[in-house]
Amino acid sequence: MVIKVSIKELKEREKEQRRQYILDAAEKLFASKGGYDNVTMKDIADEVGLNKSTLYLYFKNKEALYSHLMLRVMKIVYTVVKDHMESNRTGMEKIETTGNIVLGFIQKHSDMVEQSRSQHPKELDLEYMAENEAAKEIGMISVGLFEITCNTIKAGIADGSIRPDLNPVGAAAILLLIDNSIMNMDPNIKNMIESHGIDYPEFIREISDFKRHMLMNKEEKKE
């Protein structure tokens, strides 16, 4: 059976491939030049061999481009979390495993994650969110992560692996706030931690241990 592809579909595929190529190039530039504020749309256009006006055919502005870049990261995190949360394990095991994976991802992609600290006041503006599809999707993924985490905590309370006195909603919010704070860590705090002999990987491990003790049912803890 021969599947016919229209010229319009072929053009859309080509455009999407070019968009992904541009995002790859932008990510490398953000990392090599020290973040969002140090990279211009002209820099990105030069990197991919386009003129700036052509680049705007793929992305409305730098904020939109950056939002799509962060959306790629959020989609990866969401897929990993969702897959592990659906596994046949206790609620605590699911929370701990996914937490370690997310923190490991943050550590592996620390250069890019640190760029998320760049100032983007528009990303908090409702009007901007309404007109930026990537920003809206990031918001939806964040809501999805919260719901998954909240439901898993409820399951952990039910199976006895998570403290029964916890409020699942509050606990889920705290976990996401911790991960978000790590992603948006002030470089000065990171420098202070390292000045006391604690490297970033060790700090990530301590965060994971902290979350485990915060959630785990005391009766389930091993002496």
C-alpha atoms as a PDB file:
ATOM      1  CA  MET A   1       0.000   0.000   0.000  1.00  0.00           C
ATOM      2  CA  VAL A   2       1.440   3.336  -1.072  1.00  0.00           C
ATOM      3  CA  ILE A   3       0.801   6.223   1.279  1.00  0.00           C
ATOM      4  CA  LYS A   4       0.645   9.524  -0.561  1.00  0.00           C
ATOM      5  CA  VAL A   5       2.001  12.592   1.175  1.00  0.00           C
ATOM      6  CA  SER A   6       0.823  15.982   0.006  1.00  0.00           C
ATOM      7  CA  ILE A   7       3.205  18.773  -0.850  1.00  0.00           C
ATOM      8  CA  LYS A   8       1.754  20.741   2.070  1.00  0.00           C
ATOM      9  CA  GLU A   9       2.587  17.912   4.488  1.00  0.00           C
ATOM     10  CA  LEU A  10       6.107  17.639   3.094  1.00  0.00           C
ATOM     11  CA  LYS A  11       6.604  21.383   3.563  1.00  0.00           C
ATOM     12  CA  GLU A  12       5.312  21.175   7.140  1.00  0.00           C
ATOM     13  CA  ARG A  13       7.711  18.329   7.903  1.00  0.00           C
ATOM     14  CA  GLU A  14      10.591  20.257   6.401  1.00  0.00           C
ATOM     15  CA  LYS A  15       9.657  23.348   8.394  1.00  0.00           C
ATOM     16  CA  GLU A  16       9.476  21.336  11.635  1.00  0.00           C
ATOM     17  CA  GLN A  17      12.873  19.774  10.945  1.00  0.00           C
ATOM     18  CA  ARG A  18      14.322  23.221  10.374  1.00  0.00           C
ATOM     19  CA  ARG A  19      12.716  24.460  13.604  1.00  0.00           C
ATOM     20  CA  GLN A  20      14.334  21.644  15.553  1.00  0.00           C
ATOM     21  CA  TYR A  21      17.681  22.382  13.917  1.00  0.00           C
ATOM     22  CA  ILE A  22      17.356  26.030  14.933  1.00  0.00           C
ATOM     23  CA  LEU A  23      16.507  25.025  18.507  1.00  0.00           C
ATOM     24  CA  ASP A  24      19.556  22.748  18.661  1.00  0.00           C
ATOM     25  CA  ALA A  25      21.779  25.586  17.493  1.00  0.00           C
ATOM     26  CA  ALA A  26      20.174  28.063  19.916  1.00  0.00           C
ATOM     27  CA  GLU A  27      20.663  25.709  22.857  1.00  0.00           C
ATOM     28  CA  LYS A  28      24.380  25.433  22.080  1.00  0.00           C
ATOM     29  CA  LEU A  29      24.690  29.198  21.776  1.00  0.00           C
ATOM     30  CA  PHE A  30      22.905  29.832  25.076  1.00  0.00           C
ATOM     31  CA  ALA A  31      25.322  27.408  26.743  1.00  0.00           C
ATOM     32  CA  SER A  32      28.500  28.741  25.124  1.00  0.00           C
ATOM     33  CA  LYS A  33      27.669  32.440  25.565  1.00  0.00           C
ATOM     34  CA  GLY A  34      26.491  32.297  29.157  1.00  0.00           C
ATOM     35  CA  GLY A  35      22.733  32.374  28.799  1.00  0.00           C
ATOM     36  CA  TYR A  36      19.675  33.893  27.181  1.00  0.00           C
ATOM     37  CA  ASP A  37      20.576  37.560  27.593  1.00  0.00           C
ATOM     38  CA  ASN A  38      23.917  37.130  25.803  1.00  0.00           C
ATOM     39  CA  VAL A  39      22.478  35.682  22.595  1.00  0.00           C
ATOM     40  CA  THR A  40      20.652  37.655  19.903  1.00  0.00           C
ATOM     41  CA  MET A  41      18.376  36.441  17.141  1.00  0.00           C
ATOM     42  CA  LYS A  42      21.104  37.517  14.698  1.00  0.00           C
ATOM     43  CA  ASP A  43      23.561  35.232  16.500  1.00  0.00           C
ATOM     44  CA  ILE A  44      21.162  32.334  16.058  1.00  0.00           C
ATOM     45  CA  ALA A  45      20.452  33.210  12.430  1.00  0.00           C
ATOM     46  CA  ASP A  46      24.181  33.352  11.659  1.00  0.00           C
ATOM     47  CA  GLU A  47      24.711  30.007  13.406  1.00  0.00           C
ATOM     48  CA  VAL A  48      22.140  28.220  11.222  1.00  0.00           C
ATOM     49  CA  GLY A  49      22.973  30.079   8.010  1.00  0.00           C
ATOM     50  CA  LEU A  50      19.781  32.114   7.728  1.00  0.00           C
ATOM     51  CA  ASN A  51      19.153  35.826   7.574  1.00  0.00           C
ATOM     52  CA  LYS A  52      17.343  37.253  10.583  1.00  0.00           C
ATOM     53  CA  SER A  53      14.116  37.965   8.724  1.00  0.00           C
ATOM     54  CA  THR A  54      13.892  34.311   7.656  1.00  0.00           C
ATOM     55  CA  LEU A  55      14.469  33.180  11.244  1.00  0.00           C
ATOM     56  CA  TYR A  56      11.370  35.138  12.283  1.00  0.00           C
ATOM     57  CA  LEU A  57       9.316  32.940   9.954  1.00  0.00           C
ATOM     58  CA  TYR A  58      10.056  30.051  12.326  1.00  0.00           C
ATOM     59  CA  PHE A  59       9.901  31.900  15.642  1.00  0.00           C
ATOM     60  CA  LYS A  60       8.062  35.156  16.341  1.00  0.00           C
ATOM     61  CA  ASN A  61      10.780  36.441  18.669  1.00  0.00           C
ATOM     62  CA  LYS A  62      13.523  35.266  21.025  1.00  0.00           C
ATOM     63  CA  GLU A  63      11.057  34.705  23.875  1.00  0.00           C
ATOM     64  CA  ALA A  64       9.019  32.350  21.689  1.00  0.00           C
ATOM     65  CA  LEU A  65      12.147  30.492  20.576  1.00  0.00           C
ATOM     66  CA  TYR A  66      13.298  30.089  24.169  1.00  0.00           C
ATOM     67  CA  SER A  67       9.849  28.898  25.229  1.00  0.00           C
ATOM     68  CA  HIS A  68       9.981  26.148  22.592  1.00  0.00           C
ATOM     69  CA  LEU A  69      13.426  25.178  23.833  1.00  0.00           C
ATOM     70  CA  MET A  70      12.191  24.857  27.410  1.00  0.00           C
ATOM     71  CA  LEU A  71       9.117  22.997  26.149  1.00  0.00           C
ATOM     72  CA  ARG A  72      11.376  20.291  24.743  1.00  0.00           C
ATOM     73  CA  VAL A  73      12.932  19.859  28.181  1.00  0.00           C
ATOM     74  CA  MET A  74       9.540  19.789  29.908  1.00  0.00           C
ATOM     75  CA  LYS A  75       8.229  17.147  27.497  1.00  0.00           C
ATOM     76  CA  ILE A  76      11.184  14.874  28.264  1.00  0.00           C
ATOM     77  CA  VAL A  77      10.721  15.303  32.006  1.00  0.00           C
ATOM     78  CA  TYR A  78       6.964  14.708  31.764  1.00  0.00           C
ATOM     79  CA  THR A  79       7.370  11.524  29.709  1.00  0.00           C
ATOM     80  CA  VAL A  80       9.950  10.105  32.126  1.00  0.00           C
ATOM     81  CA  VAL A  81       7.854  10.953  35.179  1.00  0.00           C
ATOM     82  CA  LYS A  82       4.629   9.583  33.680  1.00  0.00           C
ATOM     83  CA  ASP A  83       6.255   6.304  32.620  1.00  0.00           C
ATOM     84  CA  HIS A  84       7.774   5.655  36.050  1.00  0.00           C
ATOM     85  CA  MET A  85       4.694   6.745  37.970  1.00  0.00           C
ATOM     86  CA  GLU A  86       2.673   4.109  36.111  1.00  0.00           C
ATOM     87  CA  SER A  87       5.023   1.287  37.148  1.00  0.00           C
ATOM     88  CA  ASN A  88       3.917  -1.403  39.617  1.00  0.00           C
ATOM     89  CA  ARG A  89       5.700  -0.116  42.726  1.00  0.00           C
ATOM     90  CA  THR A  90       4.802   1.598  45.989  1.00  0.00           C
ATOM     91  CA  GLY A  91       4.007   5.294  45.970  1.00  0.00           C
ATOM     92  CA  MET A  92       7.231   6.101  47.828  1.00  0.00           C
ATOM     93  CA  GLU A  93       9.341   4.097  45.380  1.00  0.00           C
ATOM     94  CA  LYS A  94       7.743   5.911  42.458  1.00  0.00           C
ATOM     95  CA  ILE A  95       8.292   9.338  43.996  1.00  0.00           C
ATOM     96  CA  GLU A  96      11.894   8.547  44.913  1.00  0.00           C
ATOM     97  CA  THR A  97      12.776   7.030  41.541  1.00  0.00           C
ATOM     98  CA  THR A  98      11.238   9.823  39.487  1.00  0.00           C
ATOM     99  CA  GLY A  99      12.766  12.427  41.792  1.00  0.00           C
ATOM    100  CA  ASN A 100      16.213  10.942  41.260  1.00  0.00           C
ATOM    101  CA  ILE A 101      15.658  10.864  37.506  1.00  0.00           C
ATOM    102  CA  VAL A 102      14.547  14.503  37.392  1.00  0.00           C
ATOM    103  CA  LEU A 103      17.451  15.639  39.579  1.00  0.00           C
ATOM    104  CA  GLY A 104      19.820  13.582  37.439  1.00  0.00           C
ATOM    105  CA  PHE A 105      18.422  15.254  34.338  1.00  0.00           C
ATOM    106  CA  ILE A 106      18.943  18.672  35.928  1.00  0.00           C
ATOM    107  CA  GLN A 107      22.531  17.724  36.774  1.00  0.00           C
ATOM    108  CA  LYS A 108      23.239  16.353  33.288  1.00  0.00           C
ATOM    109  CA  HIS A 109      21.806  19.441  31.599  1.00  0.00           C
ATOM    110  CA  SER A 110      22.984  21.937  34.205  1.00  0.00           C
ATOM    111  CA  ASP A 111      24.256  24.420  31.596  1.00  0.00           C
ATOM    112  CA  MET A 112      20.869  24.690  29.965  1.00  0.00           C
ATOM    113  CA  VAL A 113      18.963  24.536  33.237  1.00  0.00           C
ATOM    114  CA  GLU A 114      20.946  27.463  34.606  1.00  0.00           C
ATOM    115  CA  GLN A 115      19.854  29.491  31.593  1.00  0.00           C
ATOM    116  CA  SER A 116      16.253  29.194  32.771  1.00  0.00           C
ATOM    117  CA  ARG A 117      17.160  31.807  35.378  1.00  0.00           C
ATOM    118  CA  SER A 118      17.313  34.432  32.631  1.00  0.00           C
ATOM    119  CA  GLN A 119      14.807  37.201  33.172  1.00  0.00           C
ATOM    120  CA  HIS A 120      11.556  36.481  31.334  1.00  0.00           C
ATOM    121  CA  PRO A 121       8.894  38.671  32.953  1.00  0.00           C
ATOM    122  CA  LYS A 122       6.569  37.999  30.008  1.00  0.00           C
ATOM    123  CA  GLU A 123       6.417  34.292  30.870  1.00  0.00           C
ATOM    124  CA  LEU A 124       4.447  35.235  33.983  1.00  0.00           C
ATOM    125  CA  ASP A 125       2.109  37.543  32.089  1.00  0.00           C
ATOM    126  CA  LEU A 126      -1.327  36.077  31.256  1.00  0.00           C
ATOM    127  CA  GLU A 127      -1.550  37.981  27.968  1.00  0.00           C
ATOM    128  CA  TYR A 128       1.835  36.623  26.905  1.00  0.00           C
ATOM    129  CA  MET A 129       0.813  33.103  27.911  1.00  0.00           C
ATOM    130  CA  ALA A 130      -2.362  33.420  25.848  1.00  0.00           C
ATOM    131  CA  GLU A 131      -0.485  34.291  22.656  1.00  0.00           C
ATOM    132  CA  ASN A 132       2.483  31.933  23.113  1.00  0.00           C
ATOM    133  CA  GLU A 133       1.530  28.328  22.344  1.00  0.00           C
ATOM    134  CA  ALA A 134       4.751  26.891  23.766  1.00  0.00           C
ATOM    135  CA  ALA A 135       4.318  28.806  27.025  1.00  0.00           C
ATOM    136  CA  LYS A 136       0.729  27.564  27.296  1.00  0.00           C
ATOM    137  CA  GLU A 137       1.846  23.980  26.733  1.00  0.00           C
ATOM    138  CA  ILE A 138       4.564  24.348  29.378  1.00  0.00           C
ATOM    139  CA  GLY A 139       1.858  25.497  31.784  1.00  0.00           C
ATOM    140  CA  MET A 140      -0.293  22.483  30.934  1.00  0.00           C
ATOM    141  CA  ILE A 141       2.635  20.112  31.452  1.00  0.00           C
ATOM    142  CA  SER A 142       3.339  21.697  34.846  1.00  0.00           C
ATOM    143  CA  VAL A 143      -0.278  21.094  35.840  1.00  0.00           C
ATOM    144  CA  GLY A 144       0.016  17.508  34.612  1.00  0.00           C
ATOM    145  CA  LEU A 145       3.175  16.925  36.658  1.00  0.00           C
ATOM    146  CA  PHE A 146       1.438  18.298  39.728  1.00  0.00           C
ATOM    147  CA  GLU A 147      -1.590  16.021  39.291  1.00  0.00           C
ATOM    148  CA  ILE A 148       0.570  12.939  38.716  1.00  0.00           C
ATOM    149  CA  THR A 149       2.690  13.702  41.780  1.00  0.00           C
ATOM    150  CA  CYS A 150      -0.359  14.403  43.939  1.00  0.00           C
ATOM    151  CA  ASN A 151      -2.072  11.142  42.911  1.00  0.00           C
ATOM    152  CA  THR A 152       1.100   9.148  43.514  1.00  0.00           C
ATOM    153  CA  ILE A 153       1.438  10.579  47.012  1.00  0.00           C
ATOM    154  CA  LYS A 154      -2.180   9.580  47.678  1.00  0.00           C
ATOM    155  CA  ALA A 155      -1.363   6.059  46.466  1.00  0.00           C
ATOM    156  CA  GLY A 156       1.710   5.986  48.705  1.00  0.00           C
ATOM    157  CA  ILE A 157      -0.370   6.973  51.724  1.00  0.00           C
ATOM    158  CA  ALA A 158      -2.845   4.227  50.853  1.00  0.00           C
ATOM    159  CA  ASP A 159      -0.153   1.534  50.525  1.00  0.00           C
ATOM    160  CA  GLY A 160       1.605   2.681  53.706  1.00  0.00           C
ATOM    161  CA  SER A 161       4.889   3.763  52.127  1.00  0.00           C
ATOM    162  CA  ILE A 162       4.260   7.505  52.604  1.00  0.00           C
ATOM    163  CA  ARG A 163       3.404   9.312  55.827  1.00  0.00           C
ATOM    164  CA  PRO A 164      -0.347   9.221  56.475  1.00  0.00           C
ATOM    165  CA  ASP A 165      -0.346  12.704  58.036  1.00  0.00           C
ATOM    166  CA  LEU A 166       0.706  14.427  54.811  1.00  0.00           C
ATOM    167  CA  ASN A 167      -1.621  16.560  52.756  1.00  0.00           C
ATOM    168  CA  PRO A 168      -1.060  15.187  49.204  1.00  0.00           C
ATOM    169  CA  VAL A 169      -1.733  18.544  47.579  1.00  0.00           C
ATOM    170  CA  GLY A 170       0.684  20.435  49.810  1.00  0.00           C
ATOM    171  CA  ALA A 171       3.340  17.715  49.594  1.00  0.00           C
ATOM    172  CA  ALA A 172       3.128  17.614  45.783  1.00  0.00           C
ATOM    173  CA  ALA A 173       3.462  21.397  45.629  1.00  0.00           C
ATOM    174  CA  ILE A 174       6.521  21.287  47.918  1.00  0.00           C
ATOM    175  CA  LEU A 175       8.225  18.633  45.780  1.00  0.00           C
ATOM    176  CA  LEU A 176       7.666  20.601  42.589  1.00  0.00           C
ATOM    177  CA  LEU A 177       8.796  23.813  44.272  1.00  0.00           C
ATOM    178  CA  ILE A 178      12.022  22.104  45.364  1.00  0.00           C
ATOM    179  CA  ASP A 179      12.773  20.876  41.843  1.00  0.00           C
ATOM    180  CA  ASN A 180      11.863  24.261  40.363  1.00  0.00           C
ATOM    181  CA  SER A 181      14.100  26.016  42.880  1.00  0.00           C
ATOM    182  CA  ILE A 182      17.009  23.787  41.899  1.00  0.00           C
ATOM    183  CA  MET A 183      16.396  24.557  38.224  1.00  0.00           C
ATOM    184  CA  ASN A 184      16.340  28.267  39.062  1.00  0.00           C
ATOM    185  CA  MET A 185      19.092  28.246  41.670  1.00  0.00           C
ATOM    186  CA  ASP A 186      20.852  31.554  42.156  1.00  0.00           C
ATOM    187  CA  PRO A 187      24.481  31.124  40.984  1.00  0.00           C
ATOM    188  CA  ASN A 188      25.598  32.846  44.194  1.00  0.00           C
ATOM    189  CA  ILE A 189      23.989  30.089  46.276  1.00  0.00           C
ATOM    190  CA  LYS A 190      25.645  27.434  44.142  1.00  0.00           C
ATOM    191  CA  ASN A 191      28.998  29.166  44.639  1.00  0.00           C
ATOM    192  CA  MET A 192      28.435  29.322  48.417  1.00  0.00           C
ATOM    193  CA  ILE A 193      27.662  25.608  48.532  1.00  0.00           C
ATOM    194  CA  GLU A 194      30.781  24.773  46.543  1.00  0.00           C
ATOM    195  CA  SER A 195      32.900  27.100  48.725  1.00  0.00           C
ATOM    196  CA  HIS A 196      32.025  24.835  51.661  1.00  0.00           C
ATOM    197  CA  GLY A 197      33.354  21.785  49.861  1.00  0.00           C
ATOM    198  CA  ILE A 198      30.006  20.457  48.568  1.00  0.00           C
ATOM    199  CA  ASP A 199      30.013  19.892  44.831  1.00  0.00           C
ATOM    200  CA  TYR A 200      26.867  20.002  42.703  1.00  0.00           C
ATOM    201  CA  PRO A 201      26.415  16.188  42.381  1.00  0.00           C
ATOM    202  CA  GLU A 202      26.687  15.815  46.152  1.00  0.00           C
ATOM    203  CA  PHE A 203      24.155  18.585  46.667  1.00  0.00           C
ATOM    204  CA  ILE A 204      21.746  16.832  44.286  1.00  0.00           C
ATOM    205  CA  ARG A 205      22.109  13.618  46.321  1.00  0.00           C
ATOM    206  CA  GLU A 206      21.385  15.512  49.539  1.00  0.00           C
ATOM    207  CA  ILE A 207      18.233  16.996  47.998  1.00  0.00           C
ATOM    208  CA  SER A 208      17.070  13.501  47.051  1.00  0.00           C
ATOM    209  CA  ASP A 209      17.750  12.230  50.573  1.00  0.00           C
ATOM    210  CA  PHE A 210      15.927  15.211  52.076  1.00  0.00           C
ATOM    211  CA  LYS A 211      12.805  14.549  50.005  1.00  0.00           C
ATOM    212  CA  ARG A 212      12.862  10.857  50.910  1.00  0.00           C
ATOM    213  CA  HIS A 213      12.946  11.586  54.658  1.00  0.00           C
ATOM    214  CA  MET A 214      10.249  14.224  54.263  1.00  0.00           C
ATOM    215  CA  LEU A 215       7.816  11.745  52.698  1.00  0.00           C
ATOM    216  CA  MET A 216       8.659   8.289  53.971  1.00  0.00           C
ATOM    217  CA  ASN A 217       6.396   6.632  56.520  1.00  0.00           C
ATOM    218  CA  LYS A 218       8.454   6.357  59.729  1.00  0.00           C
ATOM    219  CA  GLU A 219       7.260   2.823  60.267  1.00  0.00           C
ATOM    220  CA  GLU A 220       8.709   1.879  56.893  1.00  0.00           C
ATOM    221  CA  LYS A 221      12.164   3.338  57.631  1.00  0.00           C
ATOM    222  CA  LYS A 222      14.971   0.922  58.283  1.00  0.00           C
ATOM    223  CA  GLU A 223      16.981   1.407  61.421  1.00  0.00           C
END
